[in-house]
Amino acid sequence: MINPYLIAFALGGPEVIAIGAVVLLLFGAKKLPELARGIGKASGEFKKAQNEFKHSIETAEEEAIKTEKEEAEKPKS
């Protein structure tokens, strides 16, 4: 079955060019480098936060597994 959301947001070459032209008209040529830098920094911060979150989840999983193994190895009284 075809996903309607995929069709609605599928952008081809002409659409990307049209969006770029609209952005150029709205912000002007002088503001585009600042806008691109801001988007790049935001993207970098997002990826950094994503990696930190993933690392904390992996660390928590490893600690839980370690604790389970320690509990299983303890002699039952």
PDB file of N, CA and C in Angstrom:
ATOM      1  N   MET A   1       0.843  -1.180   0.000  1.00  0.00           N
ATOM      2  CA  MET A   1       0.000   0.000   0.000  1.00  0.00           C
ATOM      3  C   MET A   1       0.887   1.241   0.000  1.00  0.00           C
ATOM      4  N   ILE A   2       0.490   2.251  -0.707  1.00  0.00           N
ATOM      5  CA  ILE A   2       1.265   3.485  -0.817  1.00  0.00           C
ATOM      6  C   ILE A   2       0.970   4.372   0.385  1.00  0.00           C
ATOM      7  N   ASN A   3       2.022   4.854   1.007  1.00  0.00           N
ATOM      8  CA  ASN A   3       1.892   5.728   2.159  1.00  0.00           C
ATOM      9  C   ASN A   3       1.611   7.153   1.677  1.00  0.00           C
ATOM     10  N   PRO A   4       0.474   7.765   2.049  1.00  0.00           N
ATOM     11  CA  PRO A   4       0.161   9.113   1.561  1.00  0.00           C
ATOM     12  C   PRO A   4       1.121  10.176   2.088  1.00  0.00           C
ATOM     13  N   TYR A   5       1.698   9.957   3.268  1.00  0.00           N
ATOM     14  CA  TYR A   5       2.646  10.934   3.801  1.00  0.00           C
ATOM     15  C   TYR A   5       3.925  10.961   2.982  1.00  0.00           C
ATOM     16  N   LEU A   6       4.330   9.807   2.484  1.00  0.00           N
ATOM     17  CA  LEU A   6       5.522   9.731   1.656  1.00  0.00           C
ATOM     18  C   LEU A   6       5.321  10.499   0.359  1.00  0.00           C
ATOM     19  N   ILE A   7       4.147  10.381  -0.223  1.00  0.00           N
ATOM     20  CA  ILE A   7       3.852  11.093  -1.464  1.00  0.00           C
ATOM     21  C   ILE A   7       3.777  12.598  -1.209  1.00  0.00           C
ATOM     22  N   ALA A   8       3.188  12.998  -0.092  1.00  0.00           N
ATOM     23  CA  ALA A   8       3.012  14.418   0.193  1.00  0.00           C
ATOM     24  C   ALA A   8       4.340  15.127   0.411  1.00  0.00           C
ATOM     25  N   PHE A   9       5.338  14.448   0.958  1.00  0.00           N
ATOM     26  CA  PHE A   9       6.595  15.107   1.289  1.00  0.00           C
ATOM     27  C   PHE A   9       7.756  14.699   0.389  1.00  0.00           C
ATOM     28  N   ALA A  10       7.486  13.993  -0.694  1.00  0.00           N
ATOM     29  CA  ALA A  10       8.544  13.609  -1.624  1.00  0.00           C
ATOM     30  C   ALA A  10       8.882  14.824  -2.485  1.00  0.00           C
ATOM     31  N   LEU A  11      10.117  15.314  -2.359  1.00  0.00           N
ATOM     32  CA  LEU A  11      10.541  16.494  -3.101  1.00  0.00           C
ATOM     33  C   LEU A  11      11.501  16.094  -4.202  1.00  0.00           C
ATOM     34  N   GLY A  12      11.256  16.598  -5.387  1.00  0.00           N
ATOM     35  CA  GLY A  12      12.153  16.358  -6.505  1.00  0.00           C
ATOM     36  C   GLY A  12      13.007  17.592  -6.762  1.00  0.00           C
ATOM     37  N   GLY A  13      13.754  17.571  -7.837  1.00  0.00           N
ATOM     38  CA  GLY A  13      14.636  18.680  -8.189  1.00  0.00           C
ATOM     39  C   GLY A  13      13.917  20.009  -8.365  1.00  0.00           C
ATOM     40  N   PRO A  14      12.841  20.069  -9.157  1.00  0.00           N
ATOM     41  CA  PRO A  14      12.153  21.347  -9.351  1.00  0.00           C
ATOM     42  C   PRO A  14      11.580  21.928  -8.054  1.00  0.00           C
ATOM     43  N   GLU A  15      11.085  21.066  -7.188  1.00  0.00           N
ATOM     44  CA  GLU A  15      10.531  21.555  -5.925  1.00  0.00           C
ATOM     45  C   GLU A  15      11.615  22.152  -5.040  1.00  0.00           C
ATOM     46  N   VAL A  16      12.766  21.501  -4.994  1.00  0.00           N
ATOM     47  CA  VAL A  16      13.873  22.005  -4.179  1.00  0.00           C
ATOM     48  C   VAL A  16      14.351  23.348  -4.721  1.00  0.00           C
ATOM     49  N   ILE A  17      14.425  23.479  -6.035  1.00  0.00           N
ATOM     50  CA  ILE A  17      14.843  24.747  -6.639  1.00  0.00           C
ATOM     51  C   ILE A  17      13.830  25.843  -6.325  1.00  0.00           C
ATOM     52  N   ALA A  18      12.543  25.532  -6.397  1.00  0.00           N
ATOM     53  CA  ALA A  18      11.509  26.519  -6.092  1.00  0.00           C
ATOM     54  C   ALA A  18      11.586  26.949  -4.635  1.00  0.00           C
ATOM     55  N   ILE A  19      11.793  26.013  -3.729  1.00  0.00           N
ATOM     56  CA  ILE A  19      11.919  26.349  -2.306  1.00  0.00           C
ATOM     57  C   ILE A  19      13.148  27.221  -2.085  1.00  0.00           C
ATOM     58  N   GLY A  20      14.261  26.883  -2.737  1.00  0.00           N
ATOM     59  CA  GLY A  20      15.474  27.697  -2.630  1.00  0.00           C
ATOM     60  C   GLY A  20      15.257  29.110  -3.126  1.00  0.00           C
ATOM     61  N   ALA A  21      14.516  29.270  -4.223  1.00  0.00           N
ATOM     62  CA  ALA A  21      14.229  30.603  -4.757  1.00  0.00           C
ATOM     63  C   ALA A  21      13.380  31.410  -3.785  1.00  0.00           C
ATOM     64  N   VAL A  22      12.395  30.774  -3.171  1.00  0.00           N
ATOM     65  CA  VAL A  22      11.545  31.467  -2.201  1.00  0.00           C
ATOM     66  C   VAL A  22      12.366  31.896  -0.991  1.00  0.00           C
ATOM     67  N   VAL A  23      13.238  31.019  -0.505  1.00  0.00           N
ATOM     68  CA  VAL A  23      14.093  31.355   0.639  1.00  0.00           C
ATOM     69  C   VAL A  23      15.010  32.514   0.277  1.00  0.00           C
ATOM     70  N   LEU A  24      15.564  32.505  -0.924  1.00  0.00           N
ATOM     71  CA  LEU A  24      16.437  33.583  -1.378  1.00  0.00           C
ATOM     72  C   LEU A  24      15.679  34.901  -1.430  1.00  0.00           C
ATOM     73  N   LEU A  25      14.449  34.873  -1.905  1.00  0.00           N
ATOM     74  CA  LEU A  25      13.647  36.092  -1.966  1.00  0.00           C
ATOM     75  C   LEU A  25      13.272  36.597  -0.572  1.00  0.00           C
ATOM     76  N   LEU A  26      12.969  35.675   0.334  1.00  0.00           N
ATOM     77  CA  LEU A  26      12.555  36.082   1.679  1.00  0.00           C
ATOM     78  C   LEU A  26      13.708  36.631   2.510  1.00  0.00           C
ATOM     79  N   PHE A  27      14.855  35.975   2.465  1.00  0.00           N
ATOM     80  CA  PHE A  27      15.951  36.339   3.351  1.00  0.00           C
ATOM     81  C   PHE A  27      17.022  37.176   2.674  1.00  0.00           C
ATOM     82  N   GLY A  28      17.132  37.140   1.383  1.00  0.00           N
ATOM     83  CA  GLY A  28      18.159  37.898   0.678  1.00  0.00           C
ATOM     84  C   GLY A  28      19.483  37.161   0.679  1.00  0.00           C
ATOM     85  N   ALA A  29      20.345  37.574  -0.241  1.00  0.00           N
ATOM     86  CA  ALA A  29      21.629  36.893  -0.415  1.00  0.00           C
ATOM     87  C   ALA A  29      22.566  37.100   0.769  1.00  0.00           C
ATOM     88  N   LYS A  30      22.442  38.213   1.473  1.00  0.00           N
ATOM     89  CA  LYS A  30      23.355  38.490   2.595  1.00  0.00           C
ATOM     90  C   LYS A  30      23.025  37.650   3.826  1.00  0.00           C
ATOM     91  N   LYS A  31      21.775  37.310   4.003  1.00  0.00           N
ATOM     92  CA  LYS A  31      21.363  36.554   5.192  1.00  0.00           C
ATOM     93  C   LYS A  31      21.498  35.045   5.024  1.00  0.00           C
ATOM     94  N   LEU A  32      21.602  34.574   3.796  1.00  0.00           N
ATOM     95  CA  LEU A  32      21.659  33.122   3.572  1.00  0.00           C
ATOM     96  C   LEU A  32      22.849  32.446   4.246  1.00  0.00           C
ATOM     97  N   PRO A  33      24.077  33.007   4.179  1.00  0.00           N
ATOM     98  CA  PRO A  33      25.181  32.339   4.884  1.00  0.00           C
ATOM     99  C   PRO A  33      24.957  32.250   6.393  1.00  0.00           C
ATOM    100  N   GLU A  34      24.399  33.313   6.984  1.00  0.00           N
ATOM    101  CA  GLU A  34      24.102  33.283   8.422  1.00  0.00           C
ATOM    102  C   GLU A  34      23.044  32.223   8.723  1.00  0.00           C
ATOM    103  N   LEU A  35      22.049  32.156   7.874  1.00  0.00           N
ATOM    104  CA  LEU A  35      20.987  31.170   8.055  1.00  0.00           C
ATOM    105  C   LEU A  35      21.539  29.753   7.946  1.00  0.00           C
ATOM    106  N   ALA A  36      22.407  29.533   6.963  1.00  0.00           N
ATOM    107  CA  ALA A  36      23.004  28.204   6.781  1.00  0.00           C
ATOM    108  C   ALA A  36      23.886  27.832   7.970  1.00  0.00           C
ATOM    109  N   ARG A  37      24.657  28.802   8.481  1.00  0.00           N
ATOM    110  CA  ARG A  37      25.496  28.538   9.663  1.00  0.00           C
ATOM    111  C   ARG A  37      24.630  28.165  10.860  1.00  0.00           C
ATOM    112  N   GLY A  38      23.557  28.899  11.053  1.00  0.00           N
ATOM    113  CA  GLY A  38      22.654  28.608  12.166  1.00  0.00           C
ATOM    114  C   GLY A  38      22.042  27.226  12.065  1.00  0.00           C
ATOM    115  N   ILE A  39      21.634  26.863  10.866  1.00  0.00           N
ATOM    116  CA  ILE A  39      21.061  25.529  10.660  1.00  0.00           C
ATOM    117  C   ILE A  39      22.115  24.460  10.898  1.00  0.00           C
ATOM    118  N   GLY A  40      23.342  24.714  10.437  1.00  0.00           N
ATOM    119  CA  GLY A  40      24.431  23.754  10.648  1.00  0.00           C
ATOM    120  C   GLY A  40      24.751  23.563  12.117  1.00  0.00           C
ATOM    121  N   LYS A  41      24.801  24.673  12.864  1.00  0.00           N
ATOM    122  CA  LYS A  41      25.073  24.575  14.305  1.00  0.00           C
ATOM    123  C   LYS A  41      23.953  23.829  15.019  1.00  0.00           C
ATOM    124  N   ALA A  42      22.717  24.141  14.661  1.00  0.00           N
ATOM    125  CA  ALA A  42      21.582  23.460  15.290  1.00  0.00           C
ATOM    126  C   ALA A  42      21.609  21.970  14.980  1.00  0.00           C
ATOM    127  N   SER A  43      21.945  21.634  13.752  1.00  0.00           N
ATOM    128  CA  SER A  43      22.037  20.223  13.367  1.00  0.00           C
ATOM    129  C   SER A  43      23.137  19.520  14.151  1.00  0.00           C
ATOM    130  N   GLY A  44      24.278  20.189  14.306  1.00  0.00           N
ATOM    131  CA  GLY A  44      25.380  19.610  15.078  1.00  0.00           C
ATOM    132  C   GLY A  44      25.005  19.391  16.530  1.00  0.00           C
ATOM    133  N   GLU A  45      24.330  20.369  17.130  1.00  0.00           N
ATOM    134  CA  GLU A  45      23.893  20.233  18.518  1.00  0.00           C
ATOM    135  C   GLU A  45      22.883  19.095  18.665  1.00  0.00           C
ATOM    136  N   PHE A  46      21.998  18.971  17.693  1.00  0.00           N
ATOM    137  CA  PHE A  46      21.011  17.893  17.742  1.00  0.00           C
ATOM    138  C   PHE A  46      21.686  16.533  17.671  1.00  0.00           C
ATOM    139  N   LYS A  47      22.647  16.388  16.766  1.00  0.00           N
ATOM    140  CA  LYS A  47      23.365  15.116  16.647  1.00  0.00           C
ATOM    141  C   LYS A  47      24.150  14.813  17.920  1.00  0.00           C
ATOM    142  N   LYS A  48      24.744  15.850  18.517  1.00  0.00           N
ATOM    143  CA  LYS A  48      25.502  15.664  19.753  1.00  0.00           C
ATOM    144  C   LYS A  48      24.576  15.181  20.874  1.00  0.00           C
ATOM    145  N   ALA A  49      23.420  15.824  21.011  1.00  0.00           N
ATOM    146  CA  ALA A  49      22.462  15.416  22.039  1.00  0.00           C
ATOM    147  C   ALA A  49      21.949  14.008  21.774  1.00  0.00           C
ATOM    148  N   GLN A  50      21.740  13.681  20.509  1.00  0.00           N
ATOM    149  CA  GLN A  50      21.280  12.343  20.148  1.00  0.00           C
ATOM    150  C   GLN A  50      22.317  11.294  20.537  1.00  0.00           C
ATOM    151  N   ASN A  51      23.584  11.565  20.265  1.00  0.00           N
ATOM    152  CA  ASN A  51      24.647  10.619  20.616  1.00  0.00           C
ATOM    153  C   ASN A  51      24.790  10.474  22.125  1.00  0.00           C
ATOM    154  N   GLU A  52      24.678  11.594  22.866  1.00  0.00           N
ATOM    155  CA  GLU A  52      24.752  11.529  24.326  1.00  0.00           C
ATOM    156  C   GLU A  52      23.604  10.693  24.886  1.00  0.00           C
ATOM    157  N   PHE A  53      22.411  10.884  24.347  1.00  0.00           N
ATOM    158  CA  PHE A  53      21.251  10.120  24.806  1.00  0.00           C
ATOM    159  C   PHE A  53      21.444   8.637  24.526  1.00  0.00           C
ATOM    160  N   LYS A  54      21.917   8.320  23.322  1.00  0.00           N
ATOM    161  CA  LYS A  54      22.155   6.927  22.953  1.00  0.00           C
ATOM    162  C   LYS A  54      23.201   6.310  23.876  1.00  0.00           C
ATOM    163  N   HIS A  55      24.258   7.063  24.171  1.00  0.00           N
ATOM    164  CA  HIS A  55      25.314   6.562  25.053  1.00  0.00           C
ATOM    165  C   HIS A  55      24.769   6.313  26.458  1.00  0.00           C
ATOM    166  N   SER A  56      23.934   7.221  26.967  1.00  0.00           N
ATOM    167  CA  SER A  56      23.392   7.028  28.313  1.00  0.00           C
ATOM    168  C   SER A  56      22.470   5.813  28.368  1.00  0.00           C
ATOM    169  N   ILE A  57      21.706   5.574  27.317  1.00  0.00           N
ATOM    170  CA  ILE A  57      20.836   4.392  27.266  1.00  0.00           C
ATOM    171  C   ILE A  57      21.680   3.117  27.254  1.00  0.00           C
ATOM    172  N   GLU A  58      22.735   3.106  26.432  1.00  0.00           N
ATOM    173  CA  GLU A  58      23.604   1.927  26.361  1.00  0.00           C
ATOM    174  C   GLU A  58      24.289   1.672  27.696  1.00  0.00           C
ATOM    175  N   THR A  59      24.735   2.731  28.365  1.00  0.00           N
ATOM    176  CA  THR A  59      25.380   2.587  29.666  1.00  0.00           C
ATOM    177  C   THR A  59      24.401   2.017  30.692  1.00  0.00           C
ATOM    178  N   ALA A  60      23.169   2.518  30.683  1.00  0.00           N
ATOM    179  CA  ALA A  60      22.161   2.019  31.619  1.00  0.00           C
ATOM    180  C   ALA A  60      21.855   0.545  31.358  1.00  0.00           C
ATOM    181  N   GLU A  61      21.784   0.161  30.092  1.00  0.00           N
ATOM    182  CA  GLU A  61      21.536  -1.245  29.763  1.00  0.00           C
ATOM    183  C   GLU A  61      22.680  -2.130  30.241  1.00  0.00           C
ATOM    184  N   GLU A  62      23.913  -1.679  30.025  1.00  0.00           N
ATOM    185  CA  GLU A  62      25.077  -2.458  30.466  1.00  0.00           C
ATOM    186  C   GLU A  62      25.095  -2.608  31.982  1.00  0.00           C
ATOM    187  N   GLU A  63      24.767  -1.534  32.704  1.00  0.00           N
ATOM    188  CA  GLU A  63      24.736  -1.603  34.165  1.00  0.00           C
ATOM    189  C   GLU A  63      23.636  -2.545  34.639  1.00  0.00           C
ATOM    190  N   ALA A  64      22.489  -2.532  33.969  1.00  0.00           N
ATOM    191  CA  ALA A  64      21.388  -3.420  34.356  1.00  0.00           C
ATOM    192  C   ALA A  64      21.776  -4.880  34.137  1.00  0.00           C
ATOM    193  N   ILE A  65      22.429  -5.167  33.028  1.00  0.00           N
ATOM    194  CA  ILE A  65      22.871  -6.539  32.750  1.00  0.00           C
ATOM    195  C   ILE A  65      23.904  -6.971  33.774  1.00  0.00           C
ATOM    196  N   LYS A  66      24.827  -6.076  34.111  1.00  0.00           N
ATOM    197  CA  LYS A  66      25.862  -6.388  35.093  1.00  0.00           C
ATOM    198  C   LYS A  66      25.232  -6.676  36.453  1.00  0.00           C
ATOM    199  N   THR A  67      24.259  -5.867  36.837  1.00  0.00           N
ATOM    200  CA  THR A  67      23.583  -6.060  38.119  1.00  0.00           C
ATOM    201  C   THR A  67      22.830  -7.388  38.132  1.00  0.00           C
ATOM    202  N   GLU A  68      22.171  -7.726  37.035  1.00  0.00           N
ATOM    203  CA  GLU A  68      21.456  -9.002  36.962  1.00  0.00           C
ATOM    204  C   GLU A  68      22.412 -10.176  37.109  1.00  0.00           C
ATOM    205  N   LYS A  69      23.564 -10.098  36.459  1.00  0.00           N
ATOM    206  CA  LYS A  69      24.544 -11.175  36.554  1.00  0.00           C
ATOM    207  C   LYS A  69      25.069 -11.301  37.972  1.00  0.00           C
ATOM    208  N   GLU A  70      25.337 -10.173  38.624  1.00  0.00           N
ATOM    209  CA  GLU A  70      25.833 -10.205  39.999  1.00  0.00           C
ATOM    210  C   GLU A  70      24.791 -10.802  40.931  1.00  0.00           C
ATOM    211  N   GLU A  71      23.523 -10.448  40.720  1.00  0.00           N
ATOM    212  CA  GLU A  71      22.451 -10.991  41.548  1.00  0.00           C
ATOM    213  C   GLU A  71      22.307 -12.497  41.329  1.00  0.00           C
ATOM    214  N   ALA A  72      22.476 -12.942  40.101  1.00  0.00           N
ATOM    215  CA  ALA A  72      22.338 -14.365  39.793  1.00  0.00           C
ATOM    216  C   ALA A  72      23.497 -15.175  40.367  1.00  0.00           C
ATOM    217  N   GLU A  73      24.672 -14.573  40.456  1.00  0.00           N
ATOM    218  CA  GLU A  73      25.852 -15.282  40.950  1.00  0.00           C
ATOM    219  C   GLU A  73      25.903 -15.358  42.472  1.00  0.00           C
ATOM    220  N   LYS A  74      25.156 -14.496  43.168  1.00  0.00           N
ATOM    221  CA  LYS A  74      25.166 -14.510  44.629  1.00  0.00           C
ATOM    222  C   LYS A  74      24.519 -15.794  45.125  1.00  0.00           C
ATOM    223  N   PRO A  75      25.149 -16.410  46.135  1.00  0.00           N
ATOM    224  CA  PRO A  75      24.529 -17.622  46.698  1.00  0.00           C
ATOM    225  C   PRO A  75      23.251 -17.260  47.455  1.00  0.00           C
ATOM    226  N   LYS A  76      22.248 -18.090  47.264  1.00  0.00           N
ATOM    227  CA  LYS A  76      20.975 -17.826  47.935  1.00  0.00           C
ATOM    228  C   LYS A  76      21.051 -18.364  49.353  1.00  0.00           C
ATOM    229  N   SER A  77      20.613 -17.533  50.299  1.00  0.00           N
ATOM    230  CA  SER A  77      20.670 -17.944  51.704  1.00  0.00           C
ATOM    231  C   SER A  77      19.339 -18.430  52.184  1.00  0.00           C
TER     232      SER A  77
END
